Amino acid sequence: MDENLILYEEEISRIDKVLSRLIKGAEAKCALLVDKDGHLITRQGFTHSLDTTALAALLAGSFASTREIARLVGEPEFSVLFHQGKRDHIHISLVGERTILVVIFDDRTTIGMVRLYAKEVGDELALIFREAKEKAKKSAKPISSDFSHQAESRLDDIFKD
């Protein structure tokens, strides 16, 4: 997701449906979509027992440190991470330039199934982001030169001695 991309309710609703399908298909517990700055974009599934705000920030930090590790070993970036626990496991994948897809699952499913669905969903999410970006470009109105001139003149008036 680009720096200035804004997602509206329509896009979030589409994203939520895609994440719900991921959870059902992969038999995962929950899925989160986080931006690289650590902000939670949306979540689906059983997240009531999780501090999703803190989790989003920590996952983004983990991804940032892994990016540096990749750089040190000569890779541009590791696009998929996997953390295996005793009960729960986390699959983390990069979607686009600025978004991280997080899937939390247990032993009811396999990492292979989660990876398969995460890849499919990642492609769908990237499409949603591209469409949102194009929509924003079309609806953005350029600032007229007349407005710019008026604003500049007004600022000059304000800051004159």
C-alpha atoms as a PDB file:
ATOM      1  CA  MET A   1       0.000   0.000   0.000  1.00  0.00           C
ATOM      2  CA  ASP A   2       1.393   3.418  -0.884  1.00  0.00           C
ATOM      3  CA  GLU A   3       2.058   6.087   1.721  1.00  0.00           C
ATOM      4  CA  ASN A   4      -0.998   8.144   0.804  1.00  0.00           C
ATOM      5  CA  LEU A   5      -3.488   5.393   0.067  1.00  0.00           C
ATOM      6  CA  ILE A   6      -6.698   5.794   2.006  1.00  0.00           C
ATOM      7  CA  LEU A   7      -9.045   2.851   2.354  1.00  0.00           C
ATOM      8  CA  TYR A   8     -12.732   3.604   2.696  1.00  0.00           C
ATOM      9  CA  GLU A   9     -15.520   1.477   4.138  1.00  0.00           C
ATOM     10  CA  GLU A  10     -16.133  -0.173   0.745  1.00  0.00           C
ATOM     11  CA  GLU A  11     -12.519  -1.395   0.493  1.00  0.00           C
ATOM     12  CA  ILE A  12     -12.404  -2.488   4.150  1.00  0.00           C
ATOM     13  CA  SER A  13     -15.601  -4.482   3.613  1.00  0.00           C
ATOM     14  CA  ARG A  14     -14.056  -6.224   0.588  1.00  0.00           C
ATOM     15  CA  ILE A  15     -10.861  -6.902   2.552  1.00  0.00           C
ATOM     16  CA  ASP A  16     -12.851  -8.331   5.480  1.00  0.00           C
ATOM     17  CA  LYS A  17     -14.666 -10.735   3.132  1.00  0.00           C
ATOM     18  CA  VAL A  18     -11.350 -11.886   1.642  1.00  0.00           C
ATOM     19  CA  LEU A  19      -9.853 -12.403   5.116  1.00  0.00           C
ATOM     20  CA  SER A  20     -12.936 -14.330   6.243  1.00  0.00           C
ATOM     21  CA  ARG A  21     -12.610 -16.613   3.232  1.00  0.00           C
ATOM     22  CA  LEU A  22      -8.921 -17.143   4.108  1.00  0.00           C
ATOM     23  CA  ILE A  23      -9.793 -18.130   7.677  1.00  0.00           C
ATOM     24  CA  LYS A  24     -12.486 -20.544   6.559  1.00  0.00           C
ATOM     25  CA  GLY A  25     -10.442 -22.105   3.753  1.00  0.00           C
ATOM     26  CA  ALA A  26      -7.206 -22.453   5.707  1.00  0.00           C
ATOM     27  CA  GLU A  27      -8.996 -23.318   8.967  1.00  0.00           C
ATOM     28  CA  ALA A  28      -7.071 -20.543  10.717  1.00  0.00           C
ATOM     29  CA  LYS A  29      -7.995 -18.834  13.972  1.00  0.00           C
ATOM     30  CA  CYS A  30      -7.722 -15.262  12.736  1.00  0.00           C
ATOM     31  CA  ALA A  31      -6.175 -12.936  10.199  1.00  0.00           C
ATOM     32  CA  LEU A  32      -4.938  -9.385  10.572  1.00  0.00           C
ATOM     33  CA  LEU A  33      -3.935  -6.811   8.024  1.00  0.00           C
ATOM     34  CA  VAL A  34      -1.289  -4.408   9.315  1.00  0.00           C
ATOM     35  CA  ASP A  35       0.569  -1.565   7.634  1.00  0.00           C
ATOM     36  CA  LYS A  36       4.362  -1.453   7.857  1.00  0.00           C
ATOM     37  CA  ASP A  37       4.122   1.353  10.417  1.00  0.00           C
ATOM     38  CA  GLY A  38       2.382  -1.042  12.809  1.00  0.00           C
ATOM     39  CA  HIS A  39      -1.191   0.210  12.480  1.00  0.00           C
ATOM     40  CA  LEU A  40      -3.946  -2.384  12.397  1.00  0.00           C
ATOM     41  CA  ILE A  41      -5.997  -1.936   9.214  1.00  0.00           C
ATOM     42  CA  THR A  42      -8.572  -4.664   9.889  1.00  0.00           C
ATOM     43  CA  ARG A  43      -8.938  -8.094  11.440  1.00  0.00           C
ATOM     44  CA  GLN A  44     -11.174 -11.120  11.146  1.00  0.00           C
ATOM     45  CA  GLY A  45     -11.683 -14.268  13.198  1.00  0.00           C
ATOM     46  CA  PHE A  46     -11.184 -14.973  16.860  1.00  0.00           C
ATOM     47  CA  THR A  47      -9.222 -11.939  18.028  1.00  0.00           C
ATOM     48  CA  HIS A  48     -11.105 -11.134  21.248  1.00  0.00           C
ATOM     49  CA  SER A  49      -8.360 -12.593  23.451  1.00  0.00           C
ATOM     50  CA  LEU A  50      -5.579 -10.777  21.574  1.00  0.00           C
ATOM     51  CA  ASP A  51      -4.248  -7.272  22.071  1.00  0.00           C
ATOM     52  CA  THR A  52      -4.366  -6.640  18.330  1.00  0.00           C
ATOM     53  CA  THR A  53      -3.007  -3.102  18.620  1.00  0.00           C
ATOM     54  CA  ALA A  54       0.161  -4.243  20.390  1.00  0.00           C
ATOM     55  CA  LEU A  55       0.398  -7.308  18.166  1.00  0.00           C
ATOM     56  CA  ALA A  56       0.212  -5.159  15.015  1.00  0.00           C
ATOM     57  CA  ALA A  57       2.997  -2.891  16.253  1.00  0.00           C
ATOM     58  CA  LEU A  58       5.226  -5.814  17.246  1.00  0.00           C
ATOM     59  CA  LEU A  59       4.639  -7.663  13.973  1.00  0.00           C
ATOM     60  CA  ALA A  60       5.577  -4.579  11.967  1.00  0.00           C
ATOM     61  CA  GLY A  61       8.720  -4.235  14.095  1.00  0.00           C
ATOM     62  CA  SER A  62       9.552  -7.890  13.538  1.00  0.00           C
ATOM     63  CA  PHE A  63       9.123  -7.439   9.796  1.00  0.00           C
ATOM     64  CA  ALA A  64      11.371  -4.355   9.851  1.00  0.00           C
ATOM     65  CA  SER A  65      14.149  -6.189  11.697  1.00  0.00           C
ATOM     66  CA  THR A  66      13.826  -9.141   9.328  1.00  0.00           C
ATOM     67  CA  ARG A  67      14.192  -6.736   6.401  1.00  0.00           C
ATOM     68  CA  GLU A  68      17.563  -5.692   7.834  1.00  0.00           C
ATOM     69  CA  ILE A  69      18.589  -9.322   8.288  1.00  0.00           C
ATOM     70  CA  ALA A  70      17.689  -9.958   4.645  1.00  0.00           C
ATOM     71  CA  ARG A  71      19.782  -6.978   3.585  1.00  0.00           C
ATOM     72  CA  LEU A  72      22.763  -8.257   5.566  1.00  0.00           C
ATOM     73  CA  VAL A  73      22.636 -11.620   3.793  1.00  0.00           C
ATOM     74  CA  GLY A  74      22.185 -10.044   0.375  1.00  0.00           C
ATOM     75  CA  GLU A  75      18.419 -10.419  -0.075  1.00  0.00           C
ATOM     76  CA  PRO A  76      16.212  -7.427  -0.897  1.00  0.00           C
ATOM     77  CA  GLU A  77      13.597  -8.651   1.582  1.00  0.00           C
ATOM     78  CA  PHE A  78      12.103 -11.815   3.033  1.00  0.00           C
ATOM     79  CA  SER A  79       8.466 -11.662   1.964  1.00  0.00           C
ATOM     80  CA  VAL A  80       7.211 -14.518   4.173  1.00  0.00           C
ATOM     81  CA  LEU A  81       7.921 -15.275   7.845  1.00  0.00           C
ATOM     82  CA  PHE A  82       6.720 -18.176   9.956  1.00  0.00           C
ATOM     83  CA  HIS A  83       6.740 -18.520  13.740  1.00  0.00           C
ATOM     84  CA  GLN A  84       5.962 -21.933  15.200  1.00  0.00           C
ATOM     85  CA  GLY A  85       4.762 -22.283  18.774  1.00  0.00           C
ATOM     86  CA  LYS A  86       3.583 -25.201  20.875  1.00  0.00           C
ATOM     87  CA  ARG A  87      -0.111 -24.464  20.228  1.00  0.00           C
ATOM     88  CA  ASP A  88      -0.345 -21.514  17.882  1.00  0.00           C
ATOM     89  CA  HIS A  89       1.639 -20.529  14.837  1.00  0.00           C
ATOM     90  CA  ILE A  90       1.906 -17.281  12.892  1.00  0.00           C
ATOM     91  CA  HIS A  91       2.332 -16.883   9.144  1.00  0.00           C
ATOM     92  CA  ILE A  92       3.350 -13.356   8.093  1.00  0.00           C
ATOM     93  CA  SER A  93       3.531 -12.235   4.485  1.00  0.00           C
ATOM     94  CA  LEU A  94       4.124  -8.984   2.705  1.00  0.00           C
ATOM     95  CA  VAL A  95       1.281  -7.740   0.495  1.00  0.00           C
ATOM     96  CA  GLY A  96       2.266  -4.949  -1.864  1.00  0.00           C
ATOM     97  CA  GLU A  97       4.779  -2.427  -0.609  1.00  0.00           C
ATOM     98  CA  ARG A  98       3.275  -1.407   2.716  1.00  0.00           C
ATOM     99  CA  THR A  99       0.957  -4.088   4.041  1.00  0.00           C
ATOM    100  CA  ILE A 100       1.518  -7.204   6.125  1.00  0.00           C
ATOM    101  CA  LEU A 101      -0.923 -10.120   6.189  1.00  0.00           C
ATOM    102  CA  VAL A 102      -0.842 -12.060   9.449  1.00  0.00           C
ATOM    103  CA  VAL A 103      -2.521 -15.445   9.868  1.00  0.00           C
ATOM    104  CA  ILE A 104      -2.680 -17.103  13.287  1.00  0.00           C
ATOM    105  CA  PHE A 105      -3.475 -20.809  13.247  1.00  0.00           C
ATOM    106  CA  ASP A 106      -3.103 -24.006  15.246  1.00  0.00           C
ATOM    107  CA  ASP A 107      -2.581 -27.701  14.507  1.00  0.00           C
ATOM    108  CA  ARG A 108      -6.059 -28.122  12.956  1.00  0.00           C
ATOM    109  CA  THR A 109      -4.398 -27.094   9.683  1.00  0.00           C
ATOM    110  CA  THR A 110      -0.965 -27.161   8.078  1.00  0.00           C
ATOM    111  CA  ILE A 111       1.519 -24.465   7.145  1.00  0.00           C
ATOM    112  CA  GLY A 112       1.144 -25.562   3.524  1.00  0.00           C
ATOM    113  CA  MET A 113      -2.599 -24.884   3.554  1.00  0.00           C
ATOM    114  CA  VAL A 114      -2.084 -21.514   5.221  1.00  0.00           C
ATOM    115  CA  ARG A 115       0.627 -20.559   2.712  1.00  0.00           C
ATOM    116  CA  LEU A 116      -1.607 -21.521  -0.212  1.00  0.00           C
ATOM    117  CA  TYR A 117      -4.547 -19.427   0.985  1.00  0.00           C
ATOM    118  CA  ALA A 118      -2.328 -16.548   2.102  1.00  0.00           C
ATOM    119  CA  LYS A 119      -0.769 -16.362  -1.372  1.00  0.00           C
ATOM    120  CA  GLU A 120      -4.189 -16.290  -3.063  1.00  0.00           C
ATOM    121  CA  VAL A 121      -5.503 -13.704  -0.627  1.00  0.00           C
ATOM    122  CA  GLY A 122      -2.343 -11.626  -0.980  1.00  0.00           C
ATOM    123  CA  ASP A 123      -2.943 -11.368  -4.714  1.00  0.00           C
ATOM    124  CA  GLU A 124      -6.583 -10.336  -4.146  1.00  0.00           C
ATOM    125  CA  LEU A 125      -5.587  -7.749  -1.559  1.00  0.00           C
ATOM    126  CA  ALA A 126      -2.963  -6.286  -3.886  1.00  0.00           C
ATOM    127  CA  LEU A 127      -5.701  -5.901  -6.513  1.00  0.00           C
ATOM    128  CA  ILE A 128      -7.987  -4.142  -4.022  1.00  0.00           C
ATOM    129  CA  PHE A 129      -5.143  -1.748  -3.134  1.00  0.00           C
ATOM    130  CA  ARG A 130      -4.410  -1.006  -6.793  1.00  0.00           C
ATOM    131  CA  GLU A 131      -8.091  -0.327  -7.490  1.00  0.00           C
ATOM    132  CA  ALA A 132      -8.332   1.952  -4.442  1.00  0.00           C
ATOM    133  CA  LYS A 133      -5.248   3.847  -5.573  1.00  0.00           C
ATOM    134  CA  GLU A 134      -6.664   4.295  -9.100  1.00  0.00           C
ATOM    135  CA  LYS A 135     -10.007   5.398  -7.675  1.00  0.00           C
ATOM    136  CA  ALA A 136      -8.264   7.962  -5.468  1.00  0.00           C
ATOM    137  CA  LYS A 137      -6.297   9.316  -8.438  1.00  0.00           C
ATOM    138  CA  LYS A 138      -9.475   9.761 -10.480  1.00  0.00           C
ATOM    139  CA  SER A 139     -11.328  11.526  -7.684  1.00  0.00           C
ATOM    140  CA  ALA A 140      -8.423  13.780  -6.668  1.00  0.00           C
ATOM    141  CA  LYS A 141      -8.851  17.302  -7.914  1.00  0.00           C
ATOM    142  CA  PRO A 142      -5.704  19.205  -8.755  1.00  0.00           C
ATOM    143  CA  ILE A 143      -5.243  22.514  -6.970  1.00  0.00           C
ATOM    144  CA  SER A 144      -5.862  25.321  -9.380  1.00  0.00           C
ATOM    145  CA  SER A 145      -3.065  27.774  -9.995  1.00  0.00           C
ATOM    146  CA  ASP A 146      -5.473  30.567  -9.045  1.00  0.00           C
ATOM    147  CA  PHE A 147      -6.023  28.995  -5.619  1.00  0.00           C
ATOM    148  CA  SER A 148      -2.274  28.502  -5.172  1.00  0.00           C
ATOM    149  CA  HIS A 149      -1.644  32.151  -6.059  1.00  0.00           C
ATOM    150  CA  GLN A 150      -4.356  33.348  -3.648  1.00  0.00           C
ATOM    151  CA  ALA A 151      -3.008  31.164  -0.844  1.00  0.00           C
ATOM    152  CA  GLU A 152       0.532  32.405  -1.429  1.00  0.00           C
ATOM    153  CA  SER A 153      -0.630  36.035  -1.377  1.00  0.00           C
ATOM    154  CA  ARG A 154      -2.610  35.461   1.817  1.00  0.00           C
ATOM    155  CA  LEU A 155       0.380  33.815   3.510  1.00  0.00           C
ATOM    156  CA  ASP A 156       2.567  36.743   2.439  1.00  0.00           C
ATOM    157  CA  ASP A 157       0.043  39.125   4.055  1.00  0.00           C
ATOM    158  CA  ILE A 158       0.002  37.126   7.284  1.00  0.00           C
ATOM    159  CA  PHE A 159       3.776  36.924   7.686  1.00  0.00           C
ATOM    160  CA  LYS A 160       4.677  40.494   6.661  1.00  0.00           C
ATOM    161  CA  ASP A 161       6.200  42.633   9.375  1.00  0.00           C
END
